[in-house]
């Protein structure tokens, strides 16, 4: 059975490119346009991994991670932050919110797959 991954990003082109790379590797992907829709997705589905952007309208990535971590089924799901933010303070904030890992954009497909495989074991 394929692993299910949620991609939360307000950029349609980024979502599509991440989804394409993951689907080529046999993963099942669901997309959400912002943190609010991400919370709705994790509330009603189960995922093996979540990949989220930081800077989004309605609910940013850090807020999304905080809210997702309050959902019992989401407590231990790995969450990778994929963002242009490379400041230590943002990374620290992400870790404190419950992020598992961090990939800085732009990223290569190979790097994304390597991190996803590592996190999913």
PDB file of N, CA and C in Angstrom:
ATOM      1  N   UNK A   1       0.848  -1.202   0.000  1.00  0.00           N
ATOM      2  CA  UNK A   1       0.000   0.000   0.000  1.00  0.00           C
ATOM      3  C   UNK A   1       0.874   1.240   0.000  1.00  0.00           C
ATOM      4  N   UNK A   2       0.518   2.220  -0.825  1.00  0.00           N
ATOM      5  CA  UNK A   2       1.374   3.402  -0.920  1.00  0.00           C
ATOM      6  C   UNK A   2       1.168   4.334   0.269  1.00  0.00           C
ATOM      7  N   UNK A   3       2.219   5.030   0.608  1.00  0.00           N
ATOM      8  CA  UNK A   3       2.169   5.997   1.708  1.00  0.00           C
ATOM      9  C   UNK A   3       1.427   7.238   1.230  1.00  0.00           C
ATOM     10  N   UNK A   4       0.672   7.838   2.163  1.00  0.00           N
ATOM     11  CA  UNK A   4      -0.146   8.996   1.830  1.00  0.00           C
ATOM     12  C   UNK A   4       0.498  10.267   2.388  1.00  0.00           C
ATOM     13  N   UNK A   5       0.681  11.260   1.523  1.00  0.00           N
ATOM     14  CA  UNK A   5       1.353  12.499   1.904  1.00  0.00           C
ATOM     15  C   UNK A   5       0.445  13.694   1.641  1.00  0.00           C
ATOM     16  N   UNK A   6       0.374  14.596   2.619  1.00  0.00           N
ATOM     17  CA  UNK A   6      -0.376  15.846   2.457  1.00  0.00           C
ATOM     18  C   UNK A   6       0.617  16.956   2.150  1.00  0.00           C
ATOM     19  N   UNK A   7       0.347  17.710   1.081  1.00  0.00           N
ATOM     20  CA  UNK A   7       1.190  18.852   0.702  1.00  0.00           C
ATOM     21  C   UNK A   7       0.372  20.128   0.920  1.00  0.00           C
ATOM     22  N   UNK A   8       0.862  20.997   1.820  1.00  0.00           N
ATOM     23  CA  UNK A   8       0.166  22.240   2.141  1.00  0.00           C
ATOM     24  C   UNK A   8       1.023  23.411   1.665  1.00  0.00           C
ATOM     25  N   UNK A   9       0.554  24.112   0.631  1.00  0.00           N
ATOM     26  CA  UNK A   9       1.310  25.252   0.089  1.00  0.00           C
ATOM     27  C   UNK A   9       0.331  26.131  -0.679  1.00  0.00           C
ATOM     28  N   UNK A  10       0.467  27.450  -0.538  1.00  0.00           N
ATOM     29  CA  UNK A  10      -0.463  28.350  -1.225  1.00  0.00           C
ATOM     30  C   UNK A  10      -0.117  28.522  -2.705  1.00  0.00           C
ATOM     31  N   UNK A  11       1.065  28.088  -3.120  1.00  0.00           N
ATOM     32  CA  UNK A  11       1.450  28.192  -4.521  1.00  0.00           C
ATOM     33  C   UNK A  11       1.040  26.933  -5.276  1.00  0.00           C
ATOM     34  N   UNK A  12       0.126  27.096  -6.235  1.00  0.00           N
ATOM     35  CA  UNK A  12      -0.358  25.950  -7.010  1.00  0.00           C
ATOM     36  C   UNK A  12       0.794  25.278  -7.754  1.00  0.00           C
ATOM     37  N   UNK A  13       1.724  26.069  -8.299  1.00  0.00           N
ATOM     38  CA  UNK A  13       2.824  25.471  -9.065  1.00  0.00           C
ATOM     39  C   UNK A  13       3.749  24.654  -8.167  1.00  0.00           C
ATOM     40  N   UNK A  14       3.992  25.127  -6.951  1.00  0.00           N
ATOM     41  CA  UNK A  14       4.825  24.371  -6.005  1.00  0.00           C
ATOM     42  C   UNK A  14       4.094  23.078  -5.617  1.00  0.00           C
ATOM     43  N   UNK A  15       2.801  23.185  -5.272  1.00  0.00           N
ATOM     44  CA  UNK A  15       2.027  21.987  -4.915  1.00  0.00           C
ATOM     45  C   UNK A  15       2.089  20.948  -6.033  1.00  0.00           C
ATOM     46  N   UNK A  16       1.859  21.424  -7.265  1.00  0.00           N
ATOM     47  CA  UNK A  16       1.841  20.509  -8.416  1.00  0.00           C
ATOM     48  C   UNK A  16       3.211  19.869  -8.615  1.00  0.00           C
ATOM     49  N   UNK A  17       4.290  20.637  -8.481  1.00  0.00           N
ATOM     50  CA  UNK A  17       5.609  20.052  -8.714  1.00  0.00           C
ATOM     51  C   UNK A  17       5.972  19.053  -7.621  1.00  0.00           C
ATOM     52  N   UNK A  18       5.627  19.350  -6.370  1.00  0.00           N
ATOM     53  CA  UNK A  18       5.888  18.408  -5.270  1.00  0.00           C
ATOM     54  C   UNK A  18       5.048  17.144  -5.486  1.00  0.00           C
ATOM     55  N   UNK A  19       3.772  17.327  -5.804  1.00  0.00           N
ATOM     56  CA  UNK A  19       2.878  16.187  -6.030  1.00  0.00           C
ATOM     57  C   UNK A  19       3.397  15.310  -7.161  1.00  0.00           C
ATOM     58  N   UNK A  20       3.828  15.948  -8.247  1.00  0.00           N
ATOM     59  CA  UNK A  20       4.326  15.205  -9.401  1.00  0.00           C
ATOM     60  C   UNK A  20       5.532  14.346  -8.999  1.00  0.00           C
ATOM     61  N   UNK A  21       6.502  14.954  -8.322  1.00  0.00           N
ATOM     62  CA  UNK A  21       7.711  14.231  -7.898  1.00  0.00           C
ATOM     63  C   UNK A  21       7.339  13.053  -6.995  1.00  0.00           C
ATOM     64  N   UNK A  22       6.456  13.298  -6.027  1.00  0.00           N
ATOM     65  CA  UNK A  22       6.070  12.241  -5.088  1.00  0.00           C
ATOM     66  C   UNK A  22       5.275  11.130  -5.765  1.00  0.00           C
ATOM     67  N   UNK A  23       4.362  11.512  -6.660  1.00  0.00           N
ATOM     68  CA  UNK A  23       3.540  10.513  -7.350  1.00  0.00           C
ATOM     69  C   UNK A  23       4.401   9.635  -8.267  1.00  0.00           C
ATOM     70  N   UNK A  24       5.449  10.227  -8.853  1.00  0.00           N
ATOM     71  CA  UNK A  24       6.373   9.453  -9.692  1.00  0.00           C
ATOM     72  C   UNK A  24       7.066   8.367  -8.868  1.00  0.00           C
ATOM     73  N   UNK A  25       7.204   8.620  -7.571  1.00  0.00           N
ATOM     74  CA  UNK A  25       7.855   7.669  -6.665  1.00  0.00           C
ATOM     75  C   UNK A  25       6.848   6.698  -6.028  1.00  0.00           C
ATOM     76  N   UNK A  26       5.580   6.798  -6.444  1.00  0.00           N
ATOM     77  CA  UNK A  26       4.575   5.862  -5.969  1.00  0.00           C
ATOM     78  C   UNK A  26       3.809   6.292  -4.723  1.00  0.00           C
ATOM     79  N   UNK A  27       3.976   7.559  -4.302  1.00  0.00           N
ATOM     80  CA  UNK A  27       3.239   8.039  -3.130  1.00  0.00           C
ATOM     81  C   UNK A  27       1.873   8.561  -3.553  1.00  0.00           C
ATOM     82  N   UNK A  28       0.920   8.479  -2.634  1.00  0.00           N
ATOM     83  CA  UNK A  28      -0.408   9.041  -2.858  1.00  0.00           C
ATOM     84  C   UNK A  28      -0.370  10.440  -2.256  1.00  0.00           C
ATOM     85  N   UNK A  29      -0.792  11.453  -3.002  1.00  0.00           N
ATOM     86  CA  UNK A  29      -0.665  12.834  -2.537  1.00  0.00           C
ATOM     87  C   UNK A  29      -2.015  13.531  -2.490  1.00  0.00           C
ATOM     88  N   UNK A  30      -2.239  14.262  -1.414  1.00  0.00           N
ATOM     89  CA  UNK A  30      -3.407  15.137  -1.315  1.00  0.00           C
ATOM     90  C   UNK A  30      -2.857  16.543  -1.108  1.00  0.00           C
ATOM     91  N   UNK A  31      -3.537  17.548  -1.685  1.00  0.00           N
ATOM     92  CA  UNK A  31      -3.059  18.927  -1.589  1.00  0.00           C
ATOM     93  C   UNK A  31      -4.027  19.803  -0.805  1.00  0.00           C
ATOM     94  N   UNK A  32      -3.453  20.816  -0.125  1.00  0.00           N
ATOM     95  CA  UNK A  32      -4.258  21.833   0.560  1.00  0.00           C
ATOM     96  C   UNK A  32      -3.615  23.189   0.270  1.00  0.00           C
ATOM     97  N   UNK A  33      -4.456  24.210   0.043  1.00  0.00           N
ATOM     98  CA  UNK A  33      -3.958  25.522  -0.380  1.00  0.00           C
ATOM     99  C   UNK A  33      -3.470  26.421   0.747  1.00  0.00           C
ATOM    100  N   UNK A  34      -3.832  26.101   1.984  1.00  0.00           N
ATOM    101  CA  UNK A  34      -3.347  26.903   3.107  1.00  0.00           C
ATOM    102  C   UNK A  34      -3.490  26.097   4.392  1.00  0.00           C
ATOM    103  N   UNK A  35      -3.050  26.677   5.494  1.00  0.00           N
ATOM    104  CA  UNK A  35      -3.077  25.964   6.765  1.00  0.00           C
ATOM    105  C   UNK A  35      -4.466  25.563   7.227  1.00  0.00           C
ATOM    106  N   UNK A  36      -5.457  26.413   6.960  1.00  0.00           N
ATOM    107  CA  UNK A  36      -6.833  26.096   7.375  1.00  0.00           C
ATOM    108  C   UNK A  36      -7.323  24.831   6.653  1.00  0.00           C
ATOM    109  N   UNK A  37      -7.085  24.774   5.342  1.00  0.00           N
ATOM    110  CA  UNK A  37      -7.497  23.600   4.570  1.00  0.00           C
ATOM    111  C   UNK A  37      -6.645  22.394   4.955  1.00  0.00           C
ATOM    112  N   UNK A  38      -5.393  22.652   5.347  1.00  0.00           N
ATOM    113  CA  UNK A  38      -4.524  21.578   5.825  1.00  0.00           C
ATOM    114  C   UNK A  38      -5.074  20.952   7.092  1.00  0.00           C
ATOM    115  N   UNK A  39      -5.525  21.804   8.020  1.00  0.00           N
ATOM    116  CA  UNK A  39      -6.105  21.313   9.282  1.00  0.00           C
ATOM    117  C   UNK A  39      -7.360  20.493   8.976  1.00  0.00           C
ATOM    118  N   UNK A  40      -8.181  20.982   8.051  1.00  0.00           N
ATOM    119  CA  UNK A  40      -9.394  20.245   7.667  1.00  0.00           C
ATOM    120  C   UNK A  40      -9.019  18.882   7.089  1.00  0.00           C
ATOM    121  N   UNK A  41      -7.963  18.847   6.276  1.00  0.00           N
ATOM    122  CA  UNK A  41      -7.533  17.583   5.653  1.00  0.00           C
ATOM    123  C   UNK A  41      -7.051  16.587   6.703  1.00  0.00           C
ATOM    124  N   UNK A  42      -6.215  17.044   7.648  1.00  0.00           N
ATOM    125  CA  UNK A  42      -5.695  16.102   8.656  1.00  0.00           C
ATOM    126  C   UNK A  42      -6.756  15.707   9.669  1.00  0.00           C
ATOM    127  N   UNK A  43      -7.822  16.500   9.766  1.00  0.00           N
ATOM    128  CA  UNK A  43      -8.914  16.169  10.681  1.00  0.00           C
ATOM    129  C   UNK A  43      -9.777  15.037  10.136  1.00  0.00           C
ATOM    130  N   UNK A  44      -9.789  14.887   8.811  1.00  0.00           N
ATOM    131  CA  UNK A  44     -10.697  13.909   8.214  1.00  0.00           C
ATOM    132  C   UNK A  44      -9.994  12.781   7.449  1.00  0.00           C
ATOM    133  N   UNK A  45      -8.665  12.816   7.369  1.00  0.00           N
ATOM    134  CA  UNK A  45      -7.919  11.774   6.659  1.00  0.00           C
ATOM    135  C   UNK A  45      -6.701  11.387   7.474  1.00  0.00           C
ATOM    136  N   UNK A  46      -6.141  10.226   7.161  1.00  0.00           N
ATOM    137  CA  UNK A  46      -4.886   9.887   7.828  1.00  0.00           C
ATOM    138  C   UNK A  46      -3.757   9.953   6.811  1.00  0.00           C
ATOM    139  N   UNK A  47      -2.625  10.474   7.240  1.00  0.00           N
ATOM    140  CA  UNK A  47      -1.460  10.646   6.376  1.00  0.00           C
ATOM    141  C   UNK A  47      -0.244  10.021   7.038  1.00  0.00           C
ATOM    142  N   UNK A  48       0.728   9.651   6.201  1.00  0.00           N
ATOM    143  CA  UNK A  48       1.986   9.109   6.708  1.00  0.00           C
ATOM    144  C   UNK A  48       3.009  10.221   6.871  1.00  0.00           C
ATOM    145  N   UNK A  49       2.786  11.337   6.158  1.00  0.00           N
ATOM    146  CA  UNK A  49       3.724  12.453   6.163  1.00  0.00           C
ATOM    147  C   UNK A  49       3.000  13.718   5.729  1.00  0.00           C
ATOM    148  N   UNK A  50       3.438  14.853   6.279  1.00  0.00           N
ATOM    149  CA  UNK A  50       2.889  16.154   5.871  1.00  0.00           C
ATOM    150  C   UNK A  50       4.059  17.034   5.446  1.00  0.00           C
ATOM    151  N   UNK A  51       3.900  17.717   4.313  1.00  0.00           N
ATOM    152  CA  UNK A  51       4.891  18.684   3.850  1.00  0.00           C
ATOM    153  C   UNK A  51       4.170  20.022   3.794  1.00  0.00           C
ATOM    154  N   UNK A  52       4.705  21.036   4.479  1.00  0.00           N
ATOM    155  CA  UNK A  52       4.021  22.333   4.510  1.00  0.00           C
ATOM    156  C   UNK A  52       4.961  23.503   4.261  1.00  0.00           C
ATOM    157  N   UNK A  53       4.416  24.527   3.650  1.00  0.00           N
ATOM    158  CA  UNK A  53       5.104  25.801   3.462  1.00  0.00           C
ATOM    159  C   UNK A  53       4.963  26.573   4.771  1.00  0.00           C
ATOM    160  N   UNK A  54       5.715  27.672   4.933  1.00  0.00           N
ATOM    161  CA  UNK A  54       5.553  28.509   6.124  1.00  0.00           C
ATOM    162  C   UNK A  54       4.655  29.699   5.808  1.00  0.00           C
ATOM    163  N   UNK A  55       5.009  30.457   4.770  1.00  0.00           N
ATOM    164  CA  UNK A  55       4.287  31.690   4.467  1.00  0.00           C
ATOM    165  C   UNK A  55       3.063  31.414   3.598  1.00  0.00           C
ATOM    166  N   UNK A  56       1.884  31.442   4.260  1.00  0.00           N
ATOM    167  CA  UNK A  56       0.622  31.194   3.560  1.00  0.00           C
ATOM    168  C   UNK A  56      -0.454  32.102   4.144  1.00  0.00           C
ATOM    169  N   UNK A  57      -1.482  32.413   3.332  1.00  0.00           N
ATOM    170  CA  UNK A  57      -2.598  33.196   3.869  1.00  0.00           C
ATOM    171  C   UNK A  57      -3.461  32.354   4.815  1.00  0.00           C
ATOM    172  N   UNK A  58      -4.358  32.993   5.531  1.00  0.00           N
ATOM    173  CA  UNK A  58      -5.339  32.369   6.435  1.00  0.00           C
ATOM    174  C   UNK A  58      -4.717  31.724   7.672  1.00  0.00           C
ATOM    175  N   UNK A  59      -3.823  30.762   7.475  1.00  0.00           N
ATOM    176  CA  UNK A  59      -3.125  30.134   8.602  1.00  0.00           C
ATOM    177  C   UNK A  59      -1.764  29.724   8.069  1.00  0.00           C
ATOM    178  N   UNK A  60      -0.704  30.299   8.643  1.00  0.00           N
ATOM    179  CA  UNK A  60       0.627  29.986   8.132  1.00  0.00           C
ATOM    180  C   UNK A  60       1.077  28.595   8.563  1.00  0.00           C
ATOM    181  N   UNK A  61       2.233  28.176   8.058  1.00  0.00           N
ATOM    182  CA  UNK A  61       2.720  26.828   8.311  1.00  0.00           C
ATOM    183  C   UNK A  61       2.960  26.525   9.781  1.00  0.00           C
ATOM    184  N   UNK A  62       3.505  27.497  10.511  1.00  0.00           N
ATOM    185  CA  UNK A  62       3.777  27.290  11.942  1.00  0.00           C
ATOM    186  C   UNK A  62       2.458  27.100  12.694  1.00  0.00           C
ATOM    187  N   UNK A  63       1.480  27.946  12.392  1.00  0.00           N
ATOM    188  CA  UNK A  63       0.153  27.830  13.005  1.00  0.00           C
ATOM    189  C   UNK A  63      -0.507  26.513  12.634  1.00  0.00           C
ATOM    190  N   UNK A  64      -0.332  26.114  11.359  1.00  0.00           N
ATOM    191  CA  UNK A  64      -0.880  24.846  10.892  1.00  0.00           C
ATOM    192  C   UNK A  64      -0.274  23.680  11.687  1.00  0.00           C
ATOM    193  N   UNK A  65       1.045  23.685  11.856  1.00  0.00           N
ATOM    194  CA  UNK A  65       1.711  22.601  12.596  1.00  0.00           C
ATOM    195  C   UNK A  65       1.187  22.550  14.027  1.00  0.00           C
ATOM    196  N   UNK A  66       1.095  23.731  14.671  1.00  0.00           N
ATOM    197  CA  UNK A  66       0.582  23.778  16.053  1.00  0.00           C
ATOM    198  C   UNK A  66      -0.804  23.161  16.141  1.00  0.00           C
ATOM    199  N   UNK A  67      -1.697  23.558  15.217  1.00  0.00           N
ATOM    200  CA  UNK A  67      -3.067  23.032  15.245  1.00  0.00           C
ATOM    201  C   UNK A  67      -3.097  21.540  14.916  1.00  0.00           C
ATOM    202  N   UNK A  68      -2.301  21.131  13.921  1.00  0.00           N
ATOM    203  CA  UNK A  68      -2.277  19.710  13.533  1.00  0.00           C
ATOM    204  C   UNK A  68      -1.813  18.859  14.713  1.00  0.00           C
ATOM    205  N   UNK A  69      -0.846  19.338  15.466  1.00  0.00           N
ATOM    206  CA  UNK A  69      -0.298  18.577  16.593  1.00  0.00           C
ATOM    207  C   UNK A  69      -1.301  18.415  17.743  1.00  0.00           C
ATOM    208  N   UNK A  70      -2.393  19.205  17.732  1.00  0.00           N
ATOM    209  CA  UNK A  70      -3.421  19.040  18.766  1.00  0.00           C
ATOM    210  C   UNK A  70      -4.398  17.919  18.406  1.00  0.00           C
ATOM    211  N   UNK A  71      -4.366  17.464  17.145  1.00  0.00           N
ATOM    212  CA  UNK A  71      -5.241  16.374  16.699  1.00  0.00           C
ATOM    213  C   UNK A  71      -4.536  15.060  17.053  1.00  0.00           C
ATOM    214  N   UNK A  72      -5.177  14.213  17.885  1.00  0.00           N
ATOM    215  CA  UNK A  72      -4.515  12.989  18.353  1.00  0.00           C
ATOM    216  C   UNK A  72      -3.866  12.151  17.257  1.00  0.00           C
ATOM    217  N   UNK A  73      -4.549  11.973  16.114  1.00  0.00           N
ATOM    218  CA  UNK A  73      -4.009  11.151  15.030  1.00  0.00           C
ATOM    219  C   UNK A  73      -2.775  11.792  14.382  1.00  0.00           C
ATOM    220  N   UNK A  74      -2.594  13.079  14.624  1.00  0.00           N
ATOM    221  CA  UNK A  74      -1.508  13.835  13.987  1.00  0.00           C
ATOM    222  C   UNK A  74      -0.300  14.041  14.893  1.00  0.00           C
ATOM    223  N   UNK A  75      -0.409  13.547  16.110  1.00  0.00           N
ATOM    224  CA  UNK A  75       0.640  13.826  17.073  1.00  0.00           C
ATOM    225  C   UNK A  75       2.014  13.342  16.639  1.00  0.00           C
ATOM    226  N   UNK A  76       2.057  12.173  15.985  1.00  0.00           N
ATOM    227  CA  UNK A  76       3.354  11.572  15.655  1.00  0.00           C
ATOM    228  C   UNK A  76       3.643  11.485  14.155  1.00  0.00           C
ATOM    229  N   UNK A  77       2.801  12.124  13.335  1.00  0.00           N
ATOM    230  CA  UNK A  77       3.043  12.127  11.895  1.00  0.00           C
ATOM    231  C   UNK A  77       4.210  13.085  11.608  1.00  0.00           C
ATOM    232  N   UNK A  78       5.214  12.625  10.848  1.00  0.00           N
ATOM    233  CA  UNK A  78       6.319  13.540  10.527  1.00  0.00           C
ATOM    234  C   UNK A  78       5.817  14.725   9.698  1.00  0.00           C
ATOM    235  N   UNK A  79       6.295  15.920  10.034  1.00  0.00           N
ATOM    236  CA  UNK A  79       5.939  17.123   9.283  1.00  0.00           C
ATOM    237  C   UNK A  79       7.225  17.778   8.801  1.00  0.00           C
ATOM    238  N   UNK A  80       7.355  17.889   7.487  1.00  0.00           N
ATOM    239  CA  UNK A  80       8.516  18.546   6.887  1.00  0.00           C
ATOM    240  C   UNK A  80       8.099  19.933   6.431  1.00  0.00           C
ATOM    241  N   UNK A  81       8.879  20.932   6.822  1.00  0.00           N
ATOM    242  CA  UNK A  81       8.619  22.305   6.408  1.00  0.00           C
ATOM    243  C   UNK A  81       9.447  22.571   5.159  1.00  0.00           C
ATOM    244  N   UNK A  82       8.776  23.028   4.111  1.00  0.00           N
ATOM    245  CA  UNK A  82       9.417  23.318   2.833  1.00  0.00           C
ATOM    246  C   UNK A  82       9.221  24.802   2.597  1.00  0.00           C
ATOM    247  N   UNK A  83      10.293  25.597   2.658  1.00  0.00           N
ATOM    248  CA  UNK A  83      10.101  27.038   2.655  1.00  0.00           C
ATOM    249  C   UNK A  83      11.303  27.798   2.138  1.00  0.00           C
ATOM    250  N   UNK A  84      11.085  29.068   1.831  1.00  0.00           N
ATOM    251  CA  UNK A  84      12.197  29.945   1.450  1.00  0.00           C
ATOM    252  C   UNK A  84      12.872  30.491   2.710  1.00  0.00           C
ATOM    253  N   UNK A  85      12.227  30.310   3.860  1.00  0.00           N
ATOM    254  CA  UNK A  85      12.768  30.808   5.126  1.00  0.00           C
ATOM    255  C   UNK A  85      13.954  29.950   5.559  1.00  0.00           C
ATOM    256  N   UNK A  86      15.121  30.576   5.709  1.00  0.00           N
ATOM    257  CA  UNK A  86      16.270  29.797   6.156  1.00  0.00           C
ATOM    258  C   UNK A  86      16.828  30.345   7.478  1.00  0.00           C
ATOM    259  N   UNK A  87      16.097  31.302   8.093  1.00  0.00           N
ATOM    260  CA  UNK A  87      16.573  31.861   9.362  1.00  0.00           C
ATOM    261  C   UNK A  87      16.448  30.849  10.488  1.00  0.00           C
ATOM    262  N   UNK A  88      17.473  30.826  11.347  1.00  0.00           N
ATOM    263  CA  UNK A  88      17.472  29.920  12.493  1.00  0.00           C
ATOM    264  C   UNK A  88      16.251  30.145  13.378  1.00  0.00           C
ATOM    265  N   UNK A  89      15.850  31.401  13.563  1.00  0.00           N
ATOM    266  CA  UNK A  89      14.719  31.692  14.456  1.00  0.00           C
ATOM    267  C   UNK A  89      13.433  31.045  13.942  1.00  0.00           C
ATOM    268  N   UNK A  90      13.226  31.099  12.615  1.00  0.00           N
ATOM    269  CA  UNK A  90      12.039  30.466  12.019  1.00  0.00           C
ATOM    270  C   UNK A  90      12.112  28.952  12.167  1.00  0.00           C
ATOM    271  N   UNK A  91      13.310  28.402  11.958  1.00  0.00           N
ATOM    272  CA  UNK A  91      13.484  26.957  12.083  1.00  0.00           C
ATOM    273  C   UNK A  91      13.211  26.518  13.519  1.00  0.00           C
ATOM    274  N   UNK A  92      13.701  27.304  14.468  1.00  0.00           N
ATOM    275  CA  UNK A  92      13.494  27.006  15.884  1.00  0.00           C
ATOM    276  C   UNK A  92      11.999  27.055  16.203  1.00  0.00           C
ATOM    277  N   UNK A  93      11.328  28.078  15.686  1.00  0.00           N
ATOM    278  CA  UNK A  93       9.881  28.224  15.894  1.00  0.00           C
ATOM    279  C   UNK A  93       9.149  27.013  15.313  1.00  0.00           C
ATOM    280  N   UNK A  94       9.581  26.580  14.145  1.00  0.00           N
ATOM    281  CA  UNK A  94       8.979  25.411  13.499  1.00  0.00           C
ATOM    282  C   UNK A  94       9.182  24.153  14.324  1.00  0.00           C
ATOM    283  N   UNK A  95      10.408  23.970  14.830  1.00  0.00           N
ATOM    284  CA  UNK A  95      10.702  22.799  15.665  1.00  0.00           C
ATOM    285  C   UNK A  95       9.857  22.808  16.933  1.00  0.00           C
ATOM    286  N   UNK A  96       9.756  23.995  17.553  1.00  0.00           N
ATOM    287  CA  UNK A  96       8.958  24.102  18.781  1.00  0.00           C
ATOM    288  C   UNK A  96       7.490  23.802  18.510  1.00  0.00           C
ATOM    289  N   UNK A  97       7.015  24.163  17.318  1.00  0.00           N
ATOM    290  CA  UNK A  97       5.619  23.891  16.956  1.00  0.00           C
ATOM    291  C   UNK A  97       5.402  22.400  16.700  1.00  0.00           C
ATOM    292  N   UNK A  98       6.483  21.692  16.354  1.00  0.00           N
ATOM    293  CA  UNK A  98       6.359  20.251  16.124  1.00  0.00           C
ATOM    294  C   UNK A  98       6.860  19.766  14.778  1.00  0.00           C
ATOM    295  N   UNK A  99       7.592  20.623  14.040  1.00  0.00           N
ATOM    296  CA  UNK A  99       8.134  20.206  12.743  1.00  0.00           C
ATOM    297  C   UNK A  99       9.216  19.151  12.940  1.00  0.00           C
ATOM    298  N   UNK A 100       9.250  18.183  12.038  1.00  0.00           N
ATOM    299  CA  UNK A 100      10.223  17.097  12.094  1.00  0.00           C
ATOM    300  C   UNK A 100      11.492  17.474  11.354  1.00  0.00           C
ATOM    301  N   UNK A 101      11.334  18.160  10.200  1.00  0.00           N
ATOM    302  CA  UNK A 101      12.473  18.512   9.364  1.00  0.00           C
ATOM    303  C   UNK A 101      12.215  19.765   8.568  1.00  0.00           C
ATOM    304  N   UNK A 102      13.226  20.193   7.816  1.00  0.00           N
ATOM    305  CA  UNK A 102      13.187  21.478   7.141  1.00  0.00           C
ATOM    306  C   UNK A 102      13.894  21.372   5.813  1.00  0.00           C
ATOM    307  N   UNK A 103      13.248  21.754   4.720  1.00  0.00           N
ATOM    308  CA  UNK A 103      13.901  21.820   3.409  1.00  0.00           C
ATOM    309  C   UNK A 103      13.750  23.254   2.913  1.00  0.00           C
ATOM    310  N   UNK A 104      14.856  23.872   2.522  1.00  0.00           N
ATOM    311  CA  UNK A 104      14.799  25.251   2.033  1.00  0.00           C
ATOM    312  C   UNK A 104      14.631  25.251   0.511  1.00  0.00           C
ATOM    313  N   UNK A 105      13.664  26.063   0.029  1.00  0.00           N
ATOM    314  CA  UNK A 105      13.435  26.227  -1.415  1.00  0.00           C
ATOM    315  C   UNK A 105      14.542  27.125  -1.960  1.00  0.00           C
ATOM    316  N   UNK A 106      14.944  27.013  -3.203  1.00  0.00           N
ATOM    317  CA  UNK A 106      14.530  25.955  -4.126  1.00  0.00           C
ATOM    318  C   UNK A 106      15.191  24.632  -3.737  1.00  0.00           C
ATOM    319  N   UNK A 107      14.504  23.542  -4.061  1.00  0.00           N
ATOM    320  CA  UNK A 107      14.996  22.217  -3.706  1.00  0.00           C
ATOM    321  C   UNK A 107      14.977  21.364  -4.965  1.00  0.00           C
ATOM    322  N   UNK A 108      15.776  20.322  -4.971  1.00  0.00           N
ATOM    323  CA  UNK A 108      15.758  19.413  -6.113  1.00  0.00           C
ATOM    324  C   UNK A 108      14.813  18.256  -5.808  1.00  0.00           C
ATOM    325  N   UNK A 109      14.333  17.632  -6.852  1.00  0.00           N
ATOM    326  CA  UNK A 109      13.456  16.468  -6.693  1.00  0.00           C
ATOM    327  C   UNK A 109      14.192  15.381  -5.915  1.00  0.00           C
ATOM    328  N   UNK A 110      15.474  15.193  -6.227  1.00  0.00           N
ATOM    329  CA  UNK A 110      16.267  14.172  -5.544  1.00  0.00           C
ATOM    330  C   UNK A 110      16.349  14.435  -4.043  1.00  0.00           C
ATOM    331  N   UNK A 111      16.554  15.698  -3.689  1.00  0.00           N
ATOM    332  CA  UNK A 111      16.662  16.032  -2.271  1.00  0.00           C
ATOM    333  C   UNK A 111      15.327  15.790  -1.566  1.00  0.00           C
ATOM    334  N   UNK A 112      14.238  16.203  -2.212  1.00  0.00           N
ATOM    335  CA  UNK A 112      12.908  15.999  -1.636  1.00  0.00           C
ATOM    336  C   UNK A 112      12.657  14.511  -1.390  1.00  0.00           C
ATOM    337  N   UNK A 113      12.898  13.690  -2.395  1.00  0.00           N
ATOM    338  CA  UNK A 113      12.666  12.244  -2.269  1.00  0.00           C
ATOM    339  C   UNK A 113      13.565  11.648  -1.187  1.00  0.00           C
ATOM    340  N   UNK A 114      14.824  12.079  -1.137  1.00  0.00           N
ATOM    341  CA  UNK A 114      15.752  11.563  -0.129  1.00  0.00           C
ATOM    342  C   UNK A 114      15.235  11.850   1.283  1.00  0.00           C
ATOM    343  N   UNK A 115      14.765  13.087   1.499  1.00  0.00           N
ATOM    344  CA  UNK A 115      14.257  13.461   2.829  1.00  0.00           C
ATOM    345  C   UNK A 115      12.981  12.692   3.151  1.00  0.00           C
ATOM    346  N   UNK A 116      12.069  12.595   2.175  1.00  0.00           N
ATOM    347  CA  UNK A 116      10.808  11.869   2.378  1.00  0.00           C
ATOM    348  C   UNK A 116      11.089  10.409   2.736  1.00  0.00           C
ATOM    349  N   UNK A 117      11.983   9.764   1.981  1.00  0.00           N
ATOM    350  CA  UNK A 117      12.323   8.356   2.253  1.00  0.00           C
ATOM    351  C   UNK A 117      12.963   8.189   3.626  1.00  0.00           C
ATOM    352  N   UNK A 118      13.833   9.125   4.004  1.00  0.00           N
ATOM    353  CA  UNK A 118      14.502   9.057   5.296  1.00  0.00           C
ATOM    354  C   UNK A 118      13.478   9.181   6.436  1.00  0.00           C
ATOM    355  N   UNK A 119      12.569  10.154   6.289  1.00  0.00           N
ATOM    356  CA  UNK A 119      11.574  10.402   7.336  1.00  0.00           C
ATOM    357  C   UNK A 119      10.575   9.243   7.446  1.00  0.00           C
ATOM    358  N   UNK A 120      10.211   8.664   6.306  1.00  0.00           N
ATOM    359  CA  UNK A 120       9.252   7.564   6.317  1.00  0.00           C
ATOM    360  C   UNK A 120       9.913   6.222   6.634  1.00  0.00           C
ATOM    361  N   UNK A 121      11.250   6.213   6.708  1.00  0.00           N
ATOM    362  CA  UNK A 121      11.974   4.989   7.050  1.00  0.00           C
ATOM    363  C   UNK A 121      11.960   3.995   5.917  1.00  0.00           C
TER     364      UNK A 121
END
